[in-house]
């Protein structure tokens, strides 16, 4: 644990335990003999790139938890990331998707039974089409 900063237990999505803290209001991970790592270095060190979106989405709440733990050192605080946490954040966070194509058409899907339907121009019939949810 680093001097002058407050760290609490952290269990990553792979079940590995480290300590998480704040240095100059930036979230850092103490991995033991590997030192105190910035989040960017931690993603590489722990093969935890998938956690990046979680930290971006939950950063404020994590900072608040660390500050609260510093005020109540007698309580056992833990920041833990479960698979379900990653899935829920991935589901609501937009991602950049690059596609090479010939035309772009933006429409709203219409209800059709238990599914939805999108009408495309007749000259698209027989061509491969991709649908991306925008909102």
Foldseek 3Di string as FASTA:
>chain_A
DDPPWFWAWEQEQVRDIWIWTADVNFIWTQPDPVGIGGVVVVCVVVVPPLCVLVCVVCVVVVHVQRVVCVVVVVDHDYHYDHPVSSVVSVVPDDDDDDDDDDDDDDDDWDDDPPDTDDDDDPVCPPPDDDDDDDD
